C-alpha atoms as a PDB file:
ATOM      1  CA  MET A   1      14.075   5.447  22.362  1.00  0.00           C
ATOM      2  CA  ARG A   2      14.231   9.000  23.562  1.00  0.00           C
ATOM      3  CA  ALA A   3      10.605   9.628  22.372  1.00  0.00           C
ATOM      4  CA  TRP A   4       9.479   6.491  24.195  1.00  0.00           C
ATOM      5  CA  ARG A   5      11.359   7.555  27.455  1.00  0.00           C
ATOM      6  CA  LEU A   6       9.801  11.104  27.284  1.00  0.00           C
ATOM      7  CA  ALA A   7       6.239   9.735  26.684  1.00  0.00           C
ATOM      8  CA  LEU A   8       6.603   6.960  29.355  1.00  0.00           C
ATOM      9  CA  GLY A   9       8.017   9.447  31.963  1.00  0.00           C
ATOM     10  CA  THR A  10       5.290  11.997  31.358  1.00  0.00           C
ATOM     11  CA  ALA A  11       2.546   9.401  31.599  1.00  0.00           C
ATOM     12  CA  LEU A  12       4.107   7.831  34.775  1.00  0.00           C
ATOM     13  CA  CYS A  13       4.346  11.269  36.452  1.00  0.00           C
ATOM     14  CA  THR A  14       0.737  12.044  35.539  1.00  0.00           C
ATOM     15  CA  ALA A  15      -0.557   8.708  36.908  1.00  0.00           C
ATOM     16  CA  ILE A  16       1.452   8.888  40.103  1.00  0.00           C
ATOM     17  CA  ASN A  17       0.514  12.472  40.670  1.00  0.00           C
ATOM     18  CA  PHE A  18      -3.176  11.841  40.374  1.00  0.00           C
ATOM     19  CA  GLY A  19      -2.971   8.508  42.116  1.00  0.00           C
ATOM     20  CA  MET A  20      -1.320  10.133  45.190  1.00  0.00           C
ATOM     21  CA  ASP A  21      -3.584  13.217  44.962  1.00  0.00           C
ATOM     22  CA  LEU A  22      -0.660  15.607  45.009  1.00  0.00           C
ATOM     23  CA  PRO A  23      -1.298  19.348  44.821  1.00  0.00           C
ATOM     24  CA  LEU A  24      -1.076  21.137  41.449  1.00  0.00           C
ATOM     25  CA  PRO A  25      -0.972  17.922  39.413  1.00  0.00           C
ATOM     26  CA  MET A  26       0.230  19.788  36.286  1.00  0.00           C
ATOM     27  CA  VAL A  27       3.654  20.482  37.826  1.00  0.00           C
ATOM     28  CA  ALA A  28       5.251  17.030  37.878  1.00  0.00           C
ATOM     29  CA  PRO A  29       4.378  16.041  34.290  1.00  0.00           C
ATOM     30  CA  ALA A  30       5.334  19.436  32.956  1.00  0.00           C
ATOM     31  CA  PHE A  31       8.690  19.216  34.711  1.00  0.00           C
ATOM     32  CA  ALA A  32       9.118  15.708  33.410  1.00  0.00           C
ATOM     33  CA  VAL A  33       8.707  16.976  29.815  1.00  0.00           C
ATOM     34  CA  PHE A  34      11.320  19.661  30.366  1.00  0.00           C
ATOM     35  CA  LEU A  35      13.590  17.137  32.100  1.00  0.00           C
ATOM     36  CA  PHE A  36      13.400  14.368  29.514  1.00  0.00           C
ATOM     37  CA  ALA A  37      13.616  16.815  26.583  1.00  0.00           C
ATOM     38  CA  SER A  38      16.757  18.517  28.031  1.00  0.00           C
ATOM     39  CA  LEU A  39      18.613  15.491  29.413  1.00  0.00           C
ATOM     40  CA  PRO A  40      18.971  12.403  27.209  1.00  0.00           C
ATOM     41  CA  ARG A  41      20.991  10.652  29.904  1.00  0.00           C
ATOM     42  CA  PRO A  42      20.218  10.058  33.650  1.00  0.00           C
ATOM     43  CA  LEU A  43      21.173  12.779  36.084  1.00  0.00           C
ATOM     44  CA  PRO A  44      24.401  12.184  38.091  1.00  0.00           C
ATOM     45  CA  LEU A  45      24.283  12.435  41.825  1.00  0.00           C
ATOM     46  CA  LYS A  46      25.950  15.892  41.796  1.00  0.00           C
ATOM     47  CA  ALA A  47      23.359  17.221  39.415  1.00  0.00           C
ATOM     48  CA  GLY A  48      20.533  15.771  41.510  1.00  0.00           C
ATOM     49  CA  LEU A  49      21.851  17.464  44.608  1.00  0.00           C
ATOM     50  CA  GLY A  50      22.152  20.659  42.588  1.00  0.00           C
ATOM     51  CA  LEU A  51      18.484  20.473  41.722  1.00  0.00           C
ATOM     52  CA  LEU A  52      17.641  20.163  45.436  1.00  0.00           C
ATOM     53  CA  VAL A  53      19.688  23.338  46.119  1.00  0.00           C
ATOM     54  CA  LEU A  54      17.748  24.940  43.227  1.00  0.00           C
ATOM     55  CA  VAL A  55      14.504  24.115  44.940  1.00  0.00           C
ATOM     56  CA  ALA A  56      15.695  25.651  48.201  1.00  0.00           C
ATOM     57  CA  LEU A  57      16.884  28.845  46.401  1.00  0.00           C
ATOM     58  CA  THR A  58      13.617  29.121  44.431  1.00  0.00           C
ATOM     59  CA  THR A  59      11.379  28.751  47.422  1.00  0.00           C
ATOM     60  CA  GLY A  60      13.491  31.084  49.511  1.00  0.00           C
ATOM     61  CA  SER A  61      13.703  33.814  46.952  1.00  0.00           C
ATOM     62  CA  GLY A  62      10.050  33.565  46.128  1.00  0.00           C
ATOM     63  CA  MET A  63       9.012  33.907  49.782  1.00  0.00           C
ATOM     64  CA  LEU A  64      11.443  36.800  50.411  1.00  0.00           C
ATOM     65  CA  LEU A  65       9.606  38.723  47.623  1.00  0.00           C
ATOM     66  CA  VAL A  66       6.209  38.359  49.197  1.00  0.00           C
ATOM     67  CA  PRO A  67       6.490  41.344  51.680  1.00  0.00           C
ATOM     68  CA  LEU A  68       7.661  43.595  48.850  1.00  0.00           C
ATOM     69  CA  LEU A  69       4.757  42.601  46.623  1.00  0.00           C
ATOM     70  CA  ARG A  70       2.300  43.169  49.472  1.00  0.00           C
ATOM     71  CA  TYR A  71       3.451  46.593  50.696  1.00  0.00           C
ATOM     72  CA  TYR A  72       5.666  47.938  47.860  1.00  0.00           C
ATOM     73  CA  LEU A  73       4.045  46.551  44.746  1.00  0.00           C
ATOM     74  CA  ILE A  74       6.083  48.470  42.102  1.00  0.00           C
ATOM     75  CA  ALA A  75       9.381  47.723  43.716  1.00  0.00           C
ATOM     76  CA  GLY A  76       8.386  43.980  44.161  1.00  0.00           C
ATOM     77  CA  VAL A  77       7.340  43.611  40.522  1.00  0.00           C
ATOM     78  CA  LEU A  78      10.605  45.302  39.331  1.00  0.00           C
ATOM     79  CA  LEU A  79      12.606  42.967  41.483  1.00  0.00           C
ATOM     80  CA  VAL A  80      10.629  39.897  40.126  1.00  0.00           C
ATOM     81  CA  GLY A  81      11.331  41.232  36.620  1.00  0.00           C
ATOM     82  CA  LEU A  82      15.068  41.513  37.398  1.00  0.00           C
ATOM     83  CA  CYS A  83      15.210  37.952  38.836  1.00  0.00           C
ATOM     84  CA  LEU A  84      13.381  36.565  35.704  1.00  0.00           C
ATOM     85  CA  PHE A  85      15.858  38.401  33.473  1.00  0.00           C
ATOM     86  CA  LEU A  86      18.828  36.905  35.362  1.00  0.00           C
ATOM     87  CA  ALA A  87      17.288  33.458  35.269  1.00  0.00           C
ATOM     88  CA  PHE A  88      16.691  33.509  31.532  1.00  0.00           C
ATOM     89  CA  ALA A  89      20.057  35.171  30.851  1.00  0.00           C
ATOM     90  CA  TYR A  90      21.747  32.437  32.822  1.00  0.00           C
ATOM     91  CA  GLY A  91      20.328  29.769  30.498  1.00  0.00           C
ATOM     92  CA  LEU A  92      21.122  31.808  27.387  1.00  0.00           C
ATOM     93  CA  ARG A  93      24.748  32.421  28.353  1.00  0.00           C
ATOM     94  CA  GLY A  94      25.659  28.818  28.566  1.00  0.00           C
ATOM     95  CA  GLY A  95      23.950  27.697  31.711  1.00  0.00           C
ATOM     96  CA  SER A  96      21.210  25.099  31.923  1.00  0.00           C
ATOM     97  CA  ASN A  97      17.921  26.037  30.271  1.00  0.00           C
ATOM     98  CA  LEU A  98      16.315  23.416  32.582  1.00  0.00           C
ATOM     99  CA  VAL A  99      17.550  25.249  35.683  1.00  0.00           C
ATOM    100  CA  ALA A 100      16.488  28.620  34.223  1.00  0.00           C
ATOM    101  CA  THR A 101      12.955  27.179  33.618  1.00  0.00           C
ATOM    102  CA  PHE A 102      12.605  25.825  37.106  1.00  0.00           C
ATOM    103  CA  LEU A 103      13.830  29.159  38.611  1.00  0.00           C
ATOM    104  CA  ALA A 104      11.375  31.176  36.583  1.00  0.00           C
ATOM    105  CA  ALA A 105       8.418  28.947  37.422  1.00  0.00           C
ATOM    106  CA  GLY A 106       9.222  28.708  41.121  1.00  0.00           C
ATOM    107  CA  LEU A 107       9.982  32.391  41.517  1.00  0.00           C
ATOM    108  CA  THR A 108       6.744  33.604  39.935  1.00  0.00           C
ATOM    109  CA  MET A 109       4.376  30.944  41.232  1.00  0.00           C
ATOM    110  CA  ILE A 110       5.519  31.093  44.865  1.00  0.00           C
ATOM    111  CA  SER A 111       5.711  34.903  45.070  1.00  0.00           C
ATOM    112  CA  ALA A 112       2.269  35.320  43.471  1.00  0.00           C
ATOM    113  CA  ALA A 113       0.732  32.719  45.764  1.00  0.00           C
ATOM    114  CA  GLY A 114       2.266  34.354  48.849  1.00  0.00           C
ATOM    115  CA  THR A 115       0.590  37.739  48.127  1.00  0.00           C
ATOM    116  CA  ALA A 116      -2.779  36.102  48.569  1.00  0.00           C
ATOM    117  CA  ASP A 117      -2.335  33.609  51.368  1.00  0.00           C
ATOM    118  CA  GLN A 118       0.663  32.115  53.302  1.00  0.00           C
ATOM    119  CA  GLN A 119      -1.037  28.737  53.245  1.00  0.00           C
ATOM    120  CA  LEU A 120      -1.433  28.851  49.458  1.00  0.00           C
ATOM    121  CA  ALA A 121       2.314  29.673  49.155  1.00  0.00           C
ATOM    122  CA  MET A 122       3.142  26.698  51.267  1.00  0.00           C
ATOM    123  CA  THR A 123       0.918  24.507  49.076  1.00  0.00           C
ATOM    124  CA  VAL A 124       2.696  25.772  45.907  1.00  0.00           C
ATOM    125  CA  ILE A 125       6.088  25.122  47.506  1.00  0.00           C
ATOM    126  CA  LYS A 126       5.016  21.652  48.435  1.00  0.00           C
ATOM    127  CA  ALA A 127       3.781  21.083  44.949  1.00  0.00           C
ATOM    128  CA  LEU A 128       6.991  22.317  43.319  1.00  0.00           C
ATOM    129  CA  VAL A 129       9.234  20.230  45.611  1.00  0.00           C
ATOM    130  CA  GLN A 130       7.140  17.074  45.258  1.00  0.00           C
ATOM    131  CA  GLY A 131       6.723  17.619  41.501  1.00  0.00           C
ATOM    132  CA  LEU A 132      10.383  18.143  40.877  1.00  0.00           C
ATOM    133  CA  LEU A 133      11.350  15.179  43.100  1.00  0.00           C
ATOM    134  CA  LEU A 134       8.850  12.907  41.359  1.00  0.00           C
ATOM    135  CA  ALA A 135      10.056  14.023  37.922  1.00  0.00           C
ATOM    136  CA  VAL A 136      13.684  13.404  38.882  1.00  0.00           C
ATOM    137  CA  LEU A 137      12.877   9.946  40.339  1.00  0.00           C
ATOM    138  CA  VAL A 138      10.853   8.940  37.289  1.00  0.00           C
ATOM    139  CA  HIS A 139      13.587  10.232  34.985  1.00  0.00           C
ATOM    140  CA  ALA A 140      16.153   7.945  36.768  1.00  0.00           C
ATOM    141  CA  ALA A 141      13.809   4.928  36.828  1.00  0.00           C
ATOM    142  CA  VAL A 142      12.949   5.174  33.094  1.00  0.00           C
ATOM    143  CA  HIS A 143      16.561   5.633  32.095  1.00  0.00           C
ATOM    144  CA  ALA A 144      17.449   2.588  34.204  1.00  0.00           C
ATOM    145  CA  ALA A 145      14.706   0.472  32.531  1.00  0.00           C
ATOM    146  CA  PHE A 146      15.485   1.819  29.075  1.00  0.00           C
ATOM    147  CA  PRO A 147      19.129   3.007  29.014  1.00  0.00           C
ATOM    148  CA  GLU A 148      20.596   5.192  26.318  1.00  0.00           C
ATOM    149  CA  SER A 149      22.466   3.280  23.602  1.00  0.00           C
ATOM    150  CA  ALA A 150      26.208   3.873  23.605  1.00  0.00           C
ATOM    151  CA  ALA A 151      25.984   4.445  19.892  1.00  0.00           C
ATOM    152  CA  ALA A 152      23.253   7.073  20.236  1.00  0.00           C
ATOM    153  CA  LYS A 153      24.305  10.519  19.093  1.00  0.00           C
ATOM    154  CA  LYS A 154      24.400  13.350  21.550  1.00  0.00           C
ATOM    155  CA  PRO A 155      22.095  16.268  20.696  1.00  0.00           C
ATOM    156  CA  PRO A 156      23.940  19.209  19.070  1.00  0.00           C
ATOM    157  CA  ALA A 157      25.082  21.783  21.486  1.00  0.00           C
ATOM    158  CA  ALA A 158      23.325  25.184  21.214  1.00  0.00           C
ATOM    159  CA  GLY A 159      25.333  27.859  19.499  1.00  0.00           C
ATOM    160  CA  ALA A 160      27.050  30.404  21.707  1.00  0.00           C
ATOM    161  CA  LEU A 161      25.298  33.754  21.976  1.00  0.00           C
ATOM    162  CA  SER A 162      26.985  37.106  22.419  1.00  0.00           C
ATOM    163  CA  ALA A 163      26.414  38.942  25.656  1.00  0.00           C
ATOM    164  CA  GLY A 164      24.207  41.512  23.908  1.00  0.00           C
ATOM    165  CA  GLU A 165      22.132  38.934  22.096  1.00  0.00           C
ATOM    166  CA  ALA A 166      21.716  36.870  25.300  1.00  0.00           C
ATOM    167  CA  SER A 167      20.554  39.930  27.140  1.00  0.00           C
ATOM    168  CA  ARG A 168      18.100  40.927  24.414  1.00  0.00           C
ATOM    169  CA  LEU A 169      16.525  37.497  24.378  1.00  0.00           C
ATOM    170  CA  ALA A 170      16.397  37.295  28.178  1.00  0.00           C
ATOM    171  CA  LEU A 171      14.598  40.653  28.193  1.00  0.00           C
ATOM    172  CA  ARG A 172      12.143  39.393  25.635  1.00  0.00           C
ATOM    173  CA  ALA A 173      11.427  36.336  27.663  1.00  0.00           C
ATOM    174  CA  THR A 174      10.973  38.388  30.857  1.00  0.00           C
ATOM    175  CA  LEU A 175       8.505  40.708  29.115  1.00  0.00           C
ATOM    176  CA  VAL A 176       6.561  37.605  27.954  1.00  0.00           C
ATOM    177  CA  VAL A 177       6.289  36.201  31.477  1.00  0.00           C
ATOM    178  CA  LEU A 178       5.867  39.400  33.549  1.00  0.00           C
ATOM    179  CA  PRO A 179       2.249  40.408  32.398  1.00  0.00           C
ATOM    180  CA  ALA A 180       0.895  36.962  33.154  1.00  0.00           C
ATOM    181  CA  PHE A 181       2.523  37.249  36.610  1.00  0.00           C
ATOM    182  CA  LEU A 182       0.782  40.639  37.155  1.00  0.00           C
ATOM    183  CA  PHE A 183      -2.495  39.187  35.986  1.00  0.00           C
ATOM    184  CA  ALA A 184      -2.169  36.264  38.424  1.00  0.00           C
ATOM    185  CA  LEU A 185      -1.560  38.619  41.386  1.00  0.00           C
ATOM    186  CA  ALA A 186      -5.333  39.419  41.280  1.00  0.00           C
ATOM    187  CA  ASP A 187      -6.324  35.854  42.003  1.00  0.00           C
ATOM    188  CA  PRO A 188      -3.284  33.460  42.376  1.00  0.00           C
ATOM    189  CA  SER A 189      -5.245  30.340  43.291  1.00  0.00           C
ATOM    190  CA  SER A 190      -7.149  30.487  39.960  1.00  0.00           C
ATOM    191  CA  TYR A 191      -4.395  31.604  37.648  1.00  0.00           C
ATOM    192  CA  MET A 192      -1.448  29.339  38.496  1.00  0.00           C
ATOM    193  CA  PRO A 193      -1.913  27.657  35.082  1.00  0.00           C
ATOM    194  CA  ILE A 194      -1.468  30.977  33.364  1.00  0.00           C
ATOM    195  CA  ILE A 195       1.970  31.476  35.063  1.00  0.00           C
ATOM    196  CA  MET A 196       3.125  27.999  34.136  1.00  0.00           C
ATOM    197  CA  LYS A 197       1.971  28.618  30.495  1.00  0.00           C
ATOM    198  CA  SER A 198       3.751  31.953  30.397  1.00  0.00           C
ATOM    199  CA  VAL A 199       6.992  30.439  31.678  1.00  0.00           C
ATOM    200  CA  SER A 200       6.763  27.865  28.866  1.00  0.00           C
ATOM    201  CA  LEU A 201       6.098  30.612  26.343  1.00  0.00           C
ATOM    202  CA  GLY A 202       9.063  32.611  27.730  1.00  0.00           C
ATOM    203  CA  ARG A 203      11.306  29.637  27.234  1.00  0.00           C
ATOM    204  CA  GLN A 204       9.995  29.083  23.750  1.00  0.00           C
ATOM    205  CA  SER A 205      10.312  32.792  22.808  1.00  0.00           C
ATOM    206  CA  CYS A 206      14.127  32.528  23.334  1.00  0.00           C
ATOM    207  CA  THR A 207      14.282  30.441  20.121  1.00  0.00           C
ATOM    208  CA  ALA A 208      11.322  31.844  18.117  1.00  0.00           C
ATOM    209  CA  SER A 209      12.019  34.301  15.323  1.00  0.00           C
ATOM    210  CA  ALA A 210       9.854  37.338  14.581  1.00  0.00           C
ATOM    211  CA  ARG A 211       8.778  35.833  11.238  1.00  0.00           C
ATOM    212  CA  GLY A 212       7.572  32.552  12.683  1.00  0.00           C
ATOM    213  CA  ALA A 213       6.621  33.670  16.189  1.00  0.00           C
ATOM    214  CA  ALA A 214       2.844  33.823  15.655  1.00  0.00           C
ATOM    215  CA  ARG A 215       2.707  30.532  13.853  1.00  0.00           C
ATOM    216  CA  GLU A 216       4.943  28.703  16.405  1.00  0.00           C
ATOM    217  CA  LEU A 217       3.703  30.177  19.618  1.00  0.00           C
ATOM    218  CA  LEU A 218       0.031  30.390  18.790  1.00  0.00           C
ATOM    219  CA  GLY A 219      -0.010  27.216  16.750  1.00  0.00           C
ATOM    220  CA  SER A 220       1.558  25.184  19.525  1.00  0.00           C
ATOM    221  CA  THR A 221      -0.980  26.534  21.967  1.00  0.00           C
ATOM    222  CA  LEU A 222      -3.870  25.573  19.728  1.00  0.00           C
ATOM    223  CA  MET A 223      -2.302  22.119  19.130  1.00  0.00           C
ATOM    224  CA  GLY A 224      -2.013  21.602  22.851  1.00  0.00           C
ATOM    225  CA  GLY A 225      -5.636  22.511  23.320  1.00  0.00           C
ATOM    226  CA  LEU A 226      -6.707  20.136  20.582  1.00  0.00           C
ATOM    227  CA  MET A 227      -4.654  17.303  22.111  1.00  0.00           C
ATOM    228  CA  ALA A 228      -6.184  18.105  25.607  1.00  0.00           C
ATOM    229  CA  ILE A 229      -9.779  17.982  24.174  1.00  0.00           C
ATOM    230  CA  SER A 230      -9.063  14.729  22.304  1.00  0.00           C
ATOM    231  CA  CYS A 231      -7.525  13.099  25.384  1.00  0.00           C
ATOM    232  CA  TRP A 232     -10.414  14.299  27.628  1.00  0.00           C
ATOM    233  CA  PHE A 233     -13.154  12.756  25.389  1.00  0.00           C
ATOM    234  CA  ALA A 234     -11.074   9.571  24.949  1.00  0.00           C
ATOM    235  CA  LEU A 235     -10.754   9.304  28.726  1.00  0.00           C
ATOM    236  CA  ARG A 236     -14.504   9.800  29.219  1.00  0.00           C
ATOM    237  CA  ALA A 237     -15.204   6.521  27.440  1.00  0.00           C
ATOM    238  CA  PHE A 238     -13.642   4.638  30.347  1.00  0.00           C
ATOM    239  CA  VAL A 239     -12.672   6.688  33.395  1.00  0.00           C
ATOM    240  CA  HIS A 240      -9.856   4.955  35.250  1.00  0.00           C
ATOM    241  CA  LEU A 241      -6.406   5.940  36.405  1.00  0.00           C
ATOM    242  CA  TRP A 242      -4.592   3.382  34.227  1.00  0.00           C
ATOM    243  CA  MET A 243      -6.619   4.454  31.208  1.00  0.00           C
ATOM    244  CA  PHE A 244      -5.489   8.022  31.957  1.00  0.00           C
ATOM    245  CA  PHE A 245      -1.936   6.768  32.008  1.00  0.00           C
ATOM    246  CA  LEU A 246      -2.389   4.907  28.688  1.00  0.00           C
ATOM    247  CA  TRP A 247      -4.041   7.840  26.859  1.00  0.00           C
ATOM    248  CA  MET A 248      -1.365  10.256  28.191  1.00  0.00           C
ATOM    249  CA  LEU A 249       1.318   7.805  27.044  1.00  0.00           C
ATOM    250  CA  LEU A 250      -0.253   7.746  23.497  1.00  0.00           C
ATOM    251  CA  PHE A 251      -0.630  11.511  23.177  1.00  0.00           C
ATOM    252  CA  ALA A 252       2.852  12.173  24.577  1.00  0.00           C
ATOM    253  CA  LEU A 253       4.303   9.668  22.168  1.00  0.00           C
ATOM    254  CA  PHE A 254       2.502  11.379  19.253  1.00  0.00           C
ATOM    255  CA  ALA A 255       4.160  14.681  20.169  1.00  0.00           C
ATOM    256  CA  ALA A 256       7.501  13.213  21.216  1.00  0.00           C
ATOM    257  CA  ARG A 257       8.012  11.410  17.862  1.00  0.00           C
ATOM    258  CA  ARG A 258       7.643  14.779  16.116  1.00  0.00           C
ATOM    259  CA  LEU A 259       9.798  16.547  18.678  1.00  0.00           C
ATOM    260  CA  TYR A 260      12.699  14.142  17.907  1.00  0.00           C
ATOM    261  CA  ARG A 261      12.043  14.138  14.131  1.00  0.00           C
ATOM    262  CA  LEU A 262      11.017  10.467  14.107  1.00  0.00           C
ATOM    263  CA  ALA A 263       7.845  11.422  12.346  1.00  0.00           C
ATOM    264  CA  PRO A 264       7.423  14.068   9.586  1.00  0.00           C
ATOM    265  CA  SER A 265       6.577  17.520  10.866  1.00  0.00           C
ATOM    266  CA  ARG A 266       6.993  21.075   9.567  1.00  0.00           C
ATOM    267  CA  GLN A 267       7.267  22.372  13.092  1.00  0.00           C
ATOM    268  CA  GLY A 268      10.326  22.497  15.292  1.00  0.00           C
ATOM    269  CA  ALA A 269      11.072  20.946  18.614  1.00  0.00           C
ATOM    270  CA  GLY A 270       9.946  24.055  20.515  1.00  0.00           C
ATOM    271  CA  PHE A 271       6.490  23.854  18.916  1.00  0.00           C
ATOM    272  CA  TRP A 272       5.927  20.240  20.134  1.00  0.00           C
ATOM    273  CA  LEU A 273       7.450  20.875  23.539  1.00  0.00           C
ATOM    274  CA  ASN A 274       5.050  23.791  24.194  1.00  0.00           C
ATOM    275  CA  ALA A 275       2.131  21.814  22.787  1.00  0.00           C
ATOM    276  CA  MET A 276       2.844  19.007  25.317  1.00  0.00           C
ATOM    277  CA  VAL A 277       3.123  21.399  28.244  1.00  0.00           C
ATOM    278  CA  THR A 278      -0.119  23.133  27.136  1.00  0.00           C
ATOM    279  CA  MET A 279      -1.938  19.836  26.925  1.00  0.00           C
ATOM    280  CA  ILE A 280      -0.758  18.734  30.343  1.00  0.00           C
ATOM    281  CA  ILE A 281      -1.802  22.026  32.059  1.00  0.00           C
ATOM    282  CA  LEU A 282      -5.270  22.076  30.381  1.00  0.00           C
ATOM    283  CA  LEU A 283      -5.946  18.348  30.987  1.00  0.00           C
ATOM    284  CA  ALA A 284      -4.761  18.330  34.588  1.00  0.00           C
ATOM    285  CA  GLN A 285      -6.966  21.386  35.423  1.00  0.00           C
ATOM    286  CA  SER A 286      -9.952  19.896  33.637  1.00  0.00           C
ATOM    287  CA  VAL A 287      -9.615  16.666  35.697  1.00  0.00           C
ATOM    288  CA  GLN A 288      -9.409  18.745  38.867  1.00  0.00           C
ATOM    289  CA  ASP A 289     -12.485  20.717  37.867  1.00  0.00           C
ATOM    290  CA  SER A 290     -14.389  17.574  37.325  1.00  0.00           C
ATOM    291  CA  VAL A 291     -13.427  16.148  40.739  1.00  0.00           C
ATOM    292  CA  ALA A 292     -14.447  19.393  42.338  1.00  0.00           C
ATOM    293  CA  GLY A 293     -17.826  19.340  40.612  1.00  0.00           C
ATOM    294  CA  LYS A 294     -17.208  22.476  38.503  1.00  0.00           C
ATOM    295  CA  ASP A 295     -18.482  23.054  34.966  1.00  0.00           C
ATOM    296  CA  VAL A 296     -15.541  21.571  33.079  1.00  0.00           C
ATOM    297  CA  TYR A 297     -16.373  22.949  29.654  1.00  0.00           C
ATOM    298  CA  THR A 298     -16.921  26.486  30.758  1.00  0.00           C
ATOM    299  CA  ALA A 299     -13.675  26.493  32.784  1.00  0.00           C
ATOM    300  CA  PHE A 300     -11.841  24.971  29.825  1.00  0.00           C
ATOM    301  CA  ALA A 301     -13.200  27.637  27.468  1.00  0.00           C
ATOM    302  CA  VAL A 302     -12.154  30.426  29.818  1.00  0.00           C
ATOM    303  CA  ARG A 303      -8.725  28.937  30.423  1.00  0.00           C
ATOM    304  CA  MET A 304      -8.125  28.331  26.692  1.00  0.00           C
ATOM    305  CA  GLY A 305      -9.204  31.923  25.903  1.00  0.00           C
ATOM    306  CA  LEU A 306      -6.673  33.199  28.429  1.00  0.00           C
ATOM    307  CA  PHE A 307      -3.968  30.951  26.960  1.00  0.00           C
ATOM    308  CA  ILE A 308      -4.632  32.288  23.544  1.00  0.00           C
ATOM    309  CA  ALA A 309      -4.550  35.880  24.798  1.00  0.00           C
ATOM    310  CA  VAL A 310      -1.282  35.334  26.618  1.00  0.00           C
ATOM    311  CA  THR A 311       0.212  33.627  23.530  1.00  0.00           C
ATOM    312  CA  GLY A 312      -1.016  36.442  21.246  1.00  0.00           C
ATOM    313  CA  TYR A 313       0.714  38.947  23.519  1.00  0.00           C
ATOM    314  CA  ALA A 314       3.909  36.827  23.490  1.00  0.00           C
ATOM    315  CA  SER A 315       3.876  36.710  19.729  1.00  0.00           C
ATOM    316  CA  ALA A 316       3.369  40.467  19.457  1.00  0.00           C
ATOM    317  CA  MET A 317       6.185  41.105  21.925  1.00  0.00           C
ATOM    318  CA  VAL A 318       8.659  38.884  19.933  1.00  0.00           C
ATOM    319  CA  TRP A 319       7.734  40.714  16.757  1.00  0.00           C
ATOM    320  CA  LEU A 320       7.974  44.217  18.285  1.00  0.00           C
ATOM    321  CA  LEU A 321      11.308  43.651  20.022  1.00  0.00           C
ATOM    322  CA  ASP A 322      12.873  41.954  16.998  1.00  0.00           C
ATOM    323  CA  THR A 323      11.639  44.775  14.758  1.00  0.00           C
ATOM    324  CA  TRP A 324      13.127  47.350  17.175  1.00  0.00           C
ATOM    325  CA  ALA A 325      16.451  45.467  17.289  1.00  0.00           C
ATOM    326  CA  LYS A 326      16.673  45.256  13.515  1.00  0.00           C
ATOM    327  CA  GLY A 327      15.884  49.006  13.301  1.00  0.00           C
ATOM    328  CA  ARG A 328      18.689  49.821  15.663  1.00  0.00           C
ATOM    329  CA  ALA A 329      21.115  47.594  13.810  1.00  0.00           C
ATOM    330  CA  ALA A 330      20.206  49.311  10.483  1.00  0.00           C
ATOM    331  CA  GLN A 331      20.745  52.768  12.036  1.00  0.00           C
ATOM    332  CA  ALA A 332      24.157  51.628  13.442  1.00  0.00           C
ATOM    333  CA  ALA A 333      25.130  50.342  10.044  1.00  0.00           C
ATOM    334  CA  GLN A 334      24.258  53.543   8.317  1.00  0.00           C
ATOM    335  CA  ALA A 335      26.126  55.603  10.853  1.00  0.00           C
END
């Protein structure tokens, strides 16, 4: 039932987003994936109000960083890095990973957009607020229609991390996200998908090991690209909003069944979560390119190449930092 809810919620957010022609249509479905994967039960009213406060804090902090990034670039980038570190550390030290993801996405996207144009920043703020609100409403509606069984087992709680380990993983996630943010500062309007992808990779890098980082991070990116290509060509056979909904439902269900171990898979939940987010970003941008009359295939190839480059960097960063940490631990043991 959880796989069905995740797939249905993602497909509904996609259809409503494109049907209402909301800005940045990748935001609401991606937030829905994170929301359904993190919360197997509906949000209580207090938590819903907390998310609204989160949006206010995210938009406010992002806009406050814009003057620093415009006139004192190095200080602004360092402050963005510090805020990213604190956001990821909050999630790793027992806080909500969902909140940490929203904070990282909002902080980087809004501050990057504000350096180029105030109107673009307001568009991103509008997209984040509407996307999160839509994801929360769909989450509540789907849970009301398909409630969680009382006999269903709660997902196992994540093991507690020491302060040092949490800080190390938060630093690793920050270093994964920060270069993509710097890259996006050159042309924020074109590279918003890169920021969203890097935030997803930063979240995934918190659980990836050095040994399996390349396989998990790069493999999930390639799987997401393959799913996006397959869904695009399936949609071309009959272009309609409801067919878009049905195809997204099918592909999301394919990934969700493997995420929840309902179908055999050698990959973990993080692999399929990142694959779904990658598919949503690539597919949403391709649909937008098609509507705008752009060359969809060239744009997809460029975007996919950038995704692979960002993922390769993230894999290398995970390996380097883990190797460095193991070397320090070995030296401490010898001493």
